[in-house]
Structures are given as C-alpha cells and as structure tokens.
C-alpha cells in the first residue's frame, strides 16, 4: 500500500504536536500512515520557521485565454483568404 505524500492542515498540526511531545518521527509516521520523508520535512520546517505551509506552485499565466484562442481560430477559419500563403 502506498503512502500519501501530503497532509491536511489539521493533521500537520497534530503531527507537530506529537513530535513536540517527544514522540519519534517513526512513531508519528506509523500513526499517520504517511511516508517518513513527509514527517521529516514537516518537522525540519517547523524547527526552522516555527510554522509550516504547503508550497504553492505557481503556474505560468497564459498570455491568451481559451476564449481568445477560440476567437483567433474562428477568425482564421472565416477569413482563410487573409491567412493563406
């Protein structure tokens, strides 16, 4: 069985609380049924920043929306004589 690679906010707080109360990372890993690296990274981040957050991955914003794409495609079809080589 695979382990999840992330925890919800409440479970992260519970995990940190258990680690602060001197439970081992291995015990918390078994208790939460997550991979060891999840608990290790959570604990390291908490020790350095006194908090933890999930990384928000920023995607590159599109220059054109899907509506813009549709508009360009329709105009190219309507005016083929202008777009033909």
PDB file of N, CA and C in Angstrom:
ATOM      1  N   UNK A   1       0.840  -1.185   0.000  1.00  0.00           N
ATOM      2  CA  UNK A   1       0.000   0.000   0.000  1.00  0.00           C
ATOM      3  C   UNK A   1       0.879   1.240   0.000  1.00  0.00           C
ATOM      4  N   UNK A   2       0.574   2.193  -0.863  1.00  0.00           N
ATOM      5  CA  UNK A   2       1.349   3.426  -0.934  1.00  0.00           C
ATOM      6  C   UNK A   2       0.949   4.388   0.167  1.00  0.00           C
ATOM      7  N   UNK A   3       1.840   5.288   0.438  1.00  0.00           N
ATOM      8  CA  UNK A   3       1.577   6.294   1.459  1.00  0.00           C
ATOM      9  C   UNK A   3       1.230   7.609   0.780  1.00  0.00           C
ATOM     10  N   UNK A   4       0.341   8.391   1.378  1.00  0.00           N
ATOM     11  CA  UNK A   4       0.086   9.717   0.812  1.00  0.00           C
ATOM     12  C   UNK A   4       1.310  10.601   0.996  1.00  0.00           C
ATOM     13  N   UNK A   5       1.490  11.565   0.113  1.00  0.00           N
ATOM     14  CA  UNK A   5       2.669  12.412   0.204  1.00  0.00           C
ATOM     15  C   UNK A   5       2.351  13.805   0.740  1.00  0.00           C
ATOM     16  N   UNK A   6       1.164  14.002   1.291  1.00  0.00           N
ATOM     17  CA  UNK A   6       0.841  15.276   1.911  1.00  0.00           C
ATOM     18  C   UNK A   6      -0.213  15.076   2.989  1.00  0.00           C
ATOM     19  N   UNK A   7      -0.302  16.054   3.859  1.00  0.00           N
ATOM     20  CA  UNK A   7      -1.259  16.010   4.964  1.00  0.00           C
ATOM     21  C   UNK A   7      -2.097  17.276   4.955  1.00  0.00           C
ATOM     22  N   UNK A   8      -3.290  17.173   5.487  1.00  0.00           N
ATOM     23  CA  UNK A   8      -4.118  18.357   5.666  1.00  0.00           C
ATOM     24  C   UNK A   8      -3.579  19.204   6.809  1.00  0.00           C
ATOM     25  N   UNK A   9      -4.097  20.406   6.925  1.00  0.00           N
ATOM     26  CA  UNK A   9      -3.606  21.348   7.941  1.00  0.00           C
ATOM     27  C   UNK A   9      -3.765  20.778   9.344  1.00  0.00           C
ATOM     28  N   UNK A  10      -4.918  20.217   9.641  1.00  0.00           N
ATOM     29  CA  UNK A  10      -5.155  19.698  10.985  1.00  0.00           C
ATOM     30  C   UNK A  10      -4.200  18.551  11.313  1.00  0.00           C
ATOM     31  N   UNK A  11      -3.989  17.658  10.362  1.00  0.00           N
ATOM     32  CA  UNK A  11      -3.066  16.542  10.617  1.00  0.00           C
ATOM     33  C   UNK A  11      -1.630  17.020  10.760  1.00  0.00           C
ATOM     34  N   UNK A  12      -1.258  18.071  10.029  1.00  0.00           N
ATOM     35  CA  UNK A  12       0.104  18.612  10.198  1.00  0.00           C
ATOM     36  C   UNK A  12       0.290  19.148  11.612  1.00  0.00           C
ATOM     37  N   UNK A  13      -0.718  19.883  12.117  1.00  0.00           N
ATOM     38  CA  UNK A  13      -0.620  20.398  13.484  1.00  0.00           C
ATOM     39  C   UNK A  13      -0.566  19.256  14.497  1.00  0.00           C
ATOM     40  N   UNK A  14      -1.364  18.229  14.281  1.00  0.00           N
ATOM     41  CA  UNK A  14      -1.348  17.090  15.210  1.00  0.00           C
ATOM     42  C   UNK A  14      -0.003  16.385  15.179  1.00  0.00           C
ATOM     43  N   UNK A  15       0.566  16.250  13.993  1.00  0.00           N
ATOM     44  CA  UNK A  15       1.875  15.607  13.869  1.00  0.00           C
ATOM     45  C   UNK A  15       2.945  16.411  14.597  1.00  0.00           C
ATOM     46  N   UNK A  16       2.941  17.716  14.412  1.00  0.00           N
ATOM     47  CA  UNK A  16       3.932  18.572  15.086  1.00  0.00           C
ATOM     48  C   UNK A  16       3.734  18.509  16.593  1.00  0.00           C
ATOM     49  N   UNK A  17       2.480  18.516  17.030  1.00  0.00           N
ATOM     50  CA  UNK A  17       2.199  18.423  18.460  1.00  0.00           C
ATOM     51  C   UNK A  17       2.779  17.130  19.039  1.00  0.00           C
ATOM     52  N   UNK A  18       2.606  16.028  18.314  1.00  0.00           N
ATOM     53  CA  UNK A  18       3.153  14.748  18.774  1.00  0.00           C
ATOM     54  C   UNK A  18       4.679  14.783  18.806  1.00  0.00           C
ATOM     55  N   UNK A  19       5.285  15.401  17.813  1.00  0.00           N
ATOM     56  CA  UNK A  19       6.747  15.490  17.781  1.00  0.00           C
ATOM     57  C   UNK A  19       7.272  16.380  18.902  1.00  0.00           C
ATOM     58  N   UNK A  20       6.563  17.458  19.182  1.00  0.00           N
ATOM     59  CA  UNK A  20       6.957  18.342  20.287  1.00  0.00           C
ATOM     60  C   UNK A  20       6.837  17.594  21.612  1.00  0.00           C
ATOM     61  N   UNK A  21       5.847  16.702  21.719  1.00  0.00           N
ATOM     62  CA  UNK A  21       5.655  15.910  22.939  1.00  0.00           C
ATOM     63  C   UNK A  21       6.584  14.695  22.996  1.00  0.00           C
ATOM     64  N   UNK A  22       7.674  14.736  22.244  1.00  0.00           N
ATOM     65  CA  UNK A  22       8.755  13.743  22.275  1.00  0.00           C
ATOM     66  C   UNK A  22       8.401  12.375  21.704  1.00  0.00           C
ATOM     67  N   UNK A  23       7.445  12.320  20.792  1.00  0.00           N
ATOM     68  CA  UNK A  23       7.268  11.070  20.060  1.00  0.00           C
ATOM     69  C   UNK A  23       8.275  11.062  18.925  1.00  0.00           C
ATOM     70  N   UNK A  24       8.734   9.883  18.553  1.00  0.00           N
ATOM     71  CA  UNK A  24       9.716   9.804  17.477  1.00  0.00           C
ATOM     72  C   UNK A  24       9.035  10.019  16.126  1.00  0.00           C
ATOM     73  N   UNK A  25       9.840  10.387  15.146  1.00  0.00           N
ATOM     74  CA  UNK A  25       9.312  10.562  13.801  1.00  0.00           C
ATOM     75  C   UNK A  25       8.767   9.246  13.261  1.00  0.00           C
ATOM     76  N   UNK A  26       9.406   8.140  13.620  1.00  0.00           N
ATOM     77  CA  UNK A  26       8.941   6.823  13.170  1.00  0.00           C
ATOM     78  C   UNK A  26       7.556   6.518  13.726  1.00  0.00           C
ATOM     79  N   UNK A  27       7.328   6.857  14.992  1.00  0.00           N
ATOM     80  CA  UNK A  27       6.013   6.622  15.603  1.00  0.00           C
ATOM     81  C   UNK A  27       4.939   7.479  14.934  1.00  0.00           C
ATOM     82  N   UNK A  28       5.269   8.733  14.673  1.00  0.00           N
ATOM     83  CA  UNK A  28       4.306   9.632  14.031  1.00  0.00           C
ATOM     84  C   UNK A  28       4.026   9.159  12.601  1.00  0.00           C
ATOM     85  N   UNK A  29       5.062   8.681  11.924  1.00  0.00           N
ATOM     86  CA  UNK A  29       4.896   8.158  10.565  1.00  0.00           C
ATOM     87  C   UNK A  29       3.928   6.986  10.551  1.00  0.00           C
ATOM     88  N   UNK A  30       4.095   6.060  11.475  1.00  0.00           N
ATOM     89  CA  UNK A  30       3.197   4.909  11.560  1.00  0.00           C
ATOM     90  C   UNK A  30       1.787   5.336  11.954  1.00  0.00           C
ATOM     91  N   UNK A  31       1.688   6.272  12.870  1.00  0.00           N
ATOM     92  CA  UNK A  31       0.395   6.736  13.365  1.00  0.00           C
ATOM     93  C   UNK A  31      -0.407   7.422  12.258  1.00  0.00           C
ATOM     94  N   UNK A  32       0.267   8.237  11.440  1.00  0.00           N
ATOM     95  CA  UNK A  32      -0.412   8.965  10.375  1.00  0.00           C
ATOM     96  C   UNK A  32      -0.500   8.170   9.075  1.00  0.00           C
ATOM     97  N   UNK A  33       0.267   7.105   8.991  1.00  0.00           N
ATOM     98  CA  UNK A  33       0.342   6.293   7.769  1.00  0.00           C
ATOM     99  C   UNK A  33       0.765   7.133   6.565  1.00  0.00           C
ATOM    100  N   UNK A  34       1.846   7.871   6.759  1.00  0.00           N
ATOM    101  CA  UNK A  34       2.436   8.654   5.671  1.00  0.00           C
ATOM    102  C   UNK A  34       3.891   8.232   5.526  1.00  0.00           C
ATOM    103  N   UNK A  35       4.527   8.659   4.451  1.00  0.00           N
ATOM    104  CA  UNK A  35       5.927   8.312   4.257  1.00  0.00           C
ATOM    105  C   UNK A  35       6.805   9.067   5.253  1.00  0.00           C
ATOM    106  N   UNK A  36       7.949   8.500   5.522  1.00  0.00           N
ATOM    107  CA  UNK A  36       8.873   9.054   6.509  1.00  0.00           C
ATOM    108  C   UNK A  36       9.323  10.461   6.130  1.00  0.00           C
ATOM    109  N   UNK A  37       9.543  10.680   4.846  1.00  0.00           N
ATOM    110  CA  UNK A  37      10.058  11.977   4.414  1.00  0.00           C
ATOM    111  C   UNK A  37       9.049  13.101   4.650  1.00  0.00           C
ATOM    112  N   UNK A  38       7.766  12.788   4.617  1.00  0.00           N
ATOM    113  CA  UNK A  38       6.735  13.801   4.882  1.00  0.00           C
ATOM    114  C   UNK A  38       6.872  14.328   6.300  1.00  0.00           C
ATOM    115  N   UNK A  39       7.006  13.420   7.249  1.00  0.00           N
ATOM    116  CA  UNK A  39       7.135  13.825   8.656  1.00  0.00           C
ATOM    117  C   UNK A  39       8.476  14.522   8.884  1.00  0.00           C
ATOM    118  N   UNK A  40       9.524  14.025   8.261  1.00  0.00           N
ATOM    119  CA  UNK A  40      10.847  14.617   8.430  1.00  0.00           C
ATOM    120  C   UNK A  40      10.877  16.057   7.916  1.00  0.00           C
ATOM    121  N   UNK A  41      10.337  16.285   6.737  1.00  0.00           N
ATOM    122  CA  UNK A  41      10.320  17.643   6.174  1.00  0.00           C
ATOM    123  C   UNK A  41       9.426  18.572   6.989  1.00  0.00           C
ATOM    124  N   UNK A  42       8.311  18.051   7.444  1.00  0.00           N
ATOM    125  CA  UNK A  42       7.410  18.839   8.275  1.00  0.00           C
ATOM    126  C   UNK A  42       8.111  19.285   9.561  1.00  0.00           C
ATOM    127  N   UNK A  43       8.794  18.367  10.199  1.00  0.00           N
ATOM    128  CA  UNK A  43       9.490  18.666  11.447  1.00  0.00           C
ATOM    129  C   UNK A  43      10.638  19.646  11.223  1.00  0.00           C
ATOM    130  N   UNK A  44      11.411  19.438  10.161  1.00  0.00           N
ATOM    131  CA  UNK A  44      12.518  20.358   9.862  1.00  0.00           C
ATOM    132  C   UNK A  44      12.004  21.764   9.584  1.00  0.00           C
ATOM    133  N   UNK A  45      10.928  21.863   8.838  1.00  0.00           N
ATOM    134  CA  UNK A  45      10.372  23.175   8.540  1.00  0.00           C
ATOM    135  C   UNK A  45       9.839  23.838   9.802  1.00  0.00           C
ATOM    136  N   UNK A  46       9.201  23.066  10.655  1.00  0.00           N
ATOM    137  CA  UNK A  46       8.668  23.630  11.890  1.00  0.00           C
ATOM    138  C   UNK A  46       9.796  24.111  12.804  1.00  0.00           C
ATOM    139  N   UNK A  47      10.888  23.357  12.875  1.00  0.00           N
ATOM    140  CA  UNK A  47      12.001  23.754  13.738  1.00  0.00           C
ATOM    141  C   UNK A  47      12.678  25.035  13.263  1.00  0.00           C
ATOM    142  N   UNK A  48      12.737  25.255  11.956  1.00  0.00           N
ATOM    143  CA  UNK A  48      13.425  26.443  11.457  1.00  0.00           C
ATOM    144  C   UNK A  48      12.529  27.675  11.398  1.00  0.00           C
ATOM    145  N   UNK A  49      11.219  27.487  11.186  1.00  0.00           N
ATOM    146  CA  UNK A  49      10.350  28.648  10.993  1.00  0.00           C
ATOM    147  C   UNK A  49       9.252  28.787  12.042  1.00  0.00           C
ATOM    148  N   UNK A  50       9.097  27.813  12.930  1.00  0.00           N
ATOM    149  CA  UNK A  50       8.023  27.777  13.921  1.00  0.00           C
ATOM    150  C   UNK A  50       6.634  27.720  13.286  1.00  0.00           C
ATOM    151  N   UNK A  51       6.559  27.342  12.054  1.00  0.00           N
ATOM    152  CA  UNK A  51       5.290  27.146  11.371  1.00  0.00           C
ATOM    153  C   UNK A  51       5.541  26.228  10.190  1.00  0.00           C
ATOM    154  N   UNK A  52       4.512  25.964   9.436  1.00  0.00           N
ATOM    155  CA  UNK A  52       4.682  25.170   8.228  1.00  0.00           C
ATOM    156  C   UNK A  52       3.604  25.542   7.245  1.00  0.00           C
ATOM    157  N   UNK A  53       3.949  25.504   6.020  1.00  0.00           N
ATOM    158  CA  UNK A  53       2.992  25.783   4.964  1.00  0.00           C
ATOM    159  C   UNK A  53       3.266  24.846   3.811  1.00  0.00           C
ATOM    160  N   UNK A  54       2.230  24.560   3.064  1.00  0.00           N
ATOM    161  CA  UNK A  54       2.430  23.790   1.840  1.00  0.00           C
ATOM    162  C   UNK A  54       2.924  24.739   0.774  1.00  0.00           C
ATOM    163  N   UNK A  55       3.840  24.271  -0.019  1.00  0.00           N
ATOM    164  CA  UNK A  55       4.349  25.099  -1.095  1.00  0.00           C
ATOM    165  C   UNK A  55       3.250  25.285  -2.139  1.00  0.00           C
ATOM    166  N   UNK A  56       3.074  26.517  -2.533  1.00  0.00           N
ATOM    167  CA  UNK A  56       2.108  26.811  -3.566  1.00  0.00           C
ATOM    168  C   UNK A  56       2.875  26.912  -4.873  1.00  0.00           C
ATOM    169  N   UNK A  57       2.550  26.042  -5.788  1.00  0.00           N
ATOM    170  CA  UNK A  57       3.231  26.049  -7.062  1.00  0.00           C
ATOM    171  C   UNK A  57       2.527  27.028  -7.976  1.00  0.00           C
ATOM    172  N   UNK A  58       3.301  27.949  -8.481  1.00  0.00           N
ATOM    173  CA  UNK A  58       2.710  28.930  -9.374  1.00  0.00           C
ATOM    174  C   UNK A  58       2.863  28.447 -10.806  1.00  0.00           C
ATOM    175  N   UNK A  59       1.784  28.462 -11.495  1.00  0.00           N
ATOM    176  CA  UNK A  59       1.840  28.108 -12.899  1.00  0.00           C
ATOM    177  C   UNK A  59       2.030  29.374 -13.708  1.00  0.00           C
ATOM    178  N   UNK A  60       2.590  29.197 -14.845  1.00  0.00           N
ATOM    179  CA  UNK A  60       2.797  30.347 -15.703  1.00  0.00           C
ATOM    180  C   UNK A  60       1.438  30.812 -16.233  1.00  0.00           C
ATOM    181  N   UNK A  61       1.176  32.089 -16.100  1.00  0.00           N
ATOM    182  CA  UNK A  61      -0.112  32.590 -16.552  1.00  0.00           C
ATOM    183  C   UNK A  61      -0.147  32.591 -18.081  1.00  0.00           C
ATOM    184  N   UNK A  62      -1.317  32.346 -18.603  1.00  0.00           N
ATOM    185  CA  UNK A  62      -1.476  32.284 -20.051  1.00  0.00           C
ATOM    186  C   UNK A  62      -1.538  33.692 -20.626  1.00  0.00           C
ATOM    187  N   UNK A  63      -0.930  33.863 -21.790  1.00  0.00           N
ATOM    188  CA  UNK A  63      -0.998  35.150 -22.473  1.00  0.00           C
ATOM    189  C   UNK A  63      -2.395  35.347 -23.054  1.00  0.00           C
ATOM    190  N   UNK A  64      -3.013  34.237 -23.459  1.00  0.00           N
ATOM    191  CA  UNK A  64      -4.349  34.296 -24.044  1.00  0.00           C
ATOM    192  C   UNK A  64      -5.259  33.338 -23.300  1.00  0.00           C
ATOM    193  N   UNK A  65      -6.486  33.744 -23.136  1.00  0.00           N
ATOM    194  CA  UNK A  65      -7.458  32.859 -22.506  1.00  0.00           C
ATOM    195  C   UNK A  65      -7.995  31.883 -23.538  1.00  0.00           C
ATOM    196  N   UNK A  66      -8.748  30.912 -23.088  1.00  0.00           N
ATOM    197  CA  UNK A  66      -9.345  29.964 -24.023  1.00  0.00           C
ATOM    198  C   UNK A  66     -10.336  30.665 -24.938  1.00  0.00           C
ATOM    199  N   UNK A  67     -10.998  31.694 -24.428  1.00  0.00           N
ATOM    200  CA  UNK A  67     -11.912  32.465 -25.275  1.00  0.00           C
ATOM    201  C   UNK A  67     -11.136  33.180 -26.385  1.00  0.00           C
ATOM    202  N   UNK A  68      -9.964  33.715 -26.037  1.00  0.00           N
ATOM    203  CA  UNK A  68      -9.121  34.350 -27.045  1.00  0.00           C
ATOM    204  C   UNK A  68      -8.674  33.343 -28.092  1.00  0.00           C
ATOM    205  N   UNK A  69      -8.290  32.151 -27.648  1.00  0.00           N
ATOM    206  CA  UNK A  69      -7.879  31.099 -28.578  1.00  0.00           C
ATOM    207  C   UNK A  69      -9.002  30.764 -29.550  1.00  0.00           C
ATOM    208  N   UNK A  70     -10.207  30.642 -29.019  1.00  0.00           N
ATOM    209  CA  UNK A  70     -11.368  30.311 -29.847  1.00  0.00           C
ATOM    210  C   UNK A  70     -11.641  31.431 -30.852  1.00  0.00           C
ATOM    211  N   UNK A  71     -11.528  32.672 -30.428  1.00  0.00           N
ATOM    212  CA  UNK A  71     -11.751  33.823 -31.300  1.00  0.00           C
ATOM    213  C   UNK A  71     -10.749  33.823 -32.456  1.00  0.00           C
ATOM    214  N   UNK A  72      -9.490  33.606 -32.163  1.00  0.00           N
ATOM    215  CA  UNK A  72      -8.454  33.585 -33.200  1.00  0.00           C
ATOM    216  C   UNK A  72      -8.708  32.449 -34.187  1.00  0.00           C
ATOM    217  N   UNK A  73      -9.046  31.265 -33.672  1.00  0.00           N
ATOM    218  CA  UNK A  73      -9.293  30.120 -34.542  1.00  0.00           C
ATOM    219  C   UNK A  73     -10.501  30.359 -35.441  1.00  0.00           C
ATOM    220  N   UNK A  74     -11.575  30.916 -34.910  1.00  0.00           N
ATOM    221  CA  UNK A  74     -12.761  31.183 -35.712  1.00  0.00           C
ATOM    222  C   UNK A  74     -12.500  32.238 -36.778  1.00  0.00           C
ATOM    223  N   UNK A  75     -11.781  33.267 -36.425  1.00  0.00           N
ATOM    224  CA  UNK A  75     -11.467  34.304 -37.409  1.00  0.00           C
ATOM    225  C   UNK A  75     -10.546  33.775 -38.497  1.00  0.00           C
ATOM    226  N   UNK A  76      -9.639  32.898 -38.138  1.00  0.00           N
ATOM    227  CA  UNK A  76      -8.759  32.308 -39.146  1.00  0.00           C
ATOM    228  C   UNK A  76      -9.566  31.460 -40.117  1.00  0.00           C
ATOM    229  N   UNK A  77     -10.581  30.752 -39.610  1.00  0.00           N
ATOM    230  CA  UNK A  77     -11.430  29.952 -40.491  1.00  0.00           C
ATOM    231  C   UNK A  77     -12.309  30.837 -41.366  1.00  0.00           C
ATOM    232  N   UNK A  78     -12.842  31.890 -40.798  1.00  0.00           N
ATOM    233  CA  UNK A  78     -13.729  32.785 -41.560  1.00  0.00           C
ATOM    234  C   UNK A  78     -13.004  33.518 -42.676  1.00  0.00           C
ATOM    235  N   UNK A  79     -11.781  33.901 -42.385  1.00  0.00           N
ATOM    236  CA  UNK A  79     -11.013  34.723 -43.317  1.00  0.00           C
ATOM    237  C   UNK A  79      -9.797  33.946 -43.824  1.00  0.00           C
ATOM    238  N   UNK A  80     -10.061  32.790 -44.396  1.00  0.00           N
ATOM    239  CA  UNK A  80      -8.971  31.952 -44.880  1.00  0.00           C
ATOM    240  C   UNK A  80      -8.141  32.642 -45.938  1.00  0.00           C
ATOM    241  N   UNK A  81      -8.785  33.473 -46.736  1.00  0.00           N
ATOM    242  CA  UNK A  81      -8.041  34.137 -47.824  1.00  0.00           C
ATOM    243  C   UNK A  81      -7.007  35.108 -47.257  1.00  0.00           C
ATOM    244  N   UNK A  82      -7.246  35.616 -46.061  1.00  0.00           N
ATOM    245  CA  UNK A  82      -6.279  36.540 -45.444  1.00  0.00           C
ATOM    246  C   UNK A  82      -5.132  35.801 -44.772  1.00  0.00           C
ATOM    247  N   UNK A  83      -5.392  34.584 -44.330  1.00  0.00           N
ATOM    248  CA  UNK A  83      -4.355  33.829 -43.604  1.00  0.00           C
ATOM    249  C   UNK A  83      -3.627  32.847 -44.506  1.00  0.00           C
ATOM    250  N   UNK A  84      -4.090  32.641 -45.745  1.00  0.00           N
ATOM    251  CA  UNK A  84      -3.448  31.691 -46.656  1.00  0.00           C
ATOM    252  C   UNK A  84      -2.162  32.277 -47.195  1.00  0.00           C
ATOM    253  N   UNK A  85      -1.242  31.410 -47.494  1.00  0.00           N
ATOM    254  CA  UNK A  85       0.030  31.874 -48.059  1.00  0.00           C
ATOM    255  C   UNK A  85       0.028  31.781 -49.548  1.00  0.00           C
TER     256      UNK A  85
END
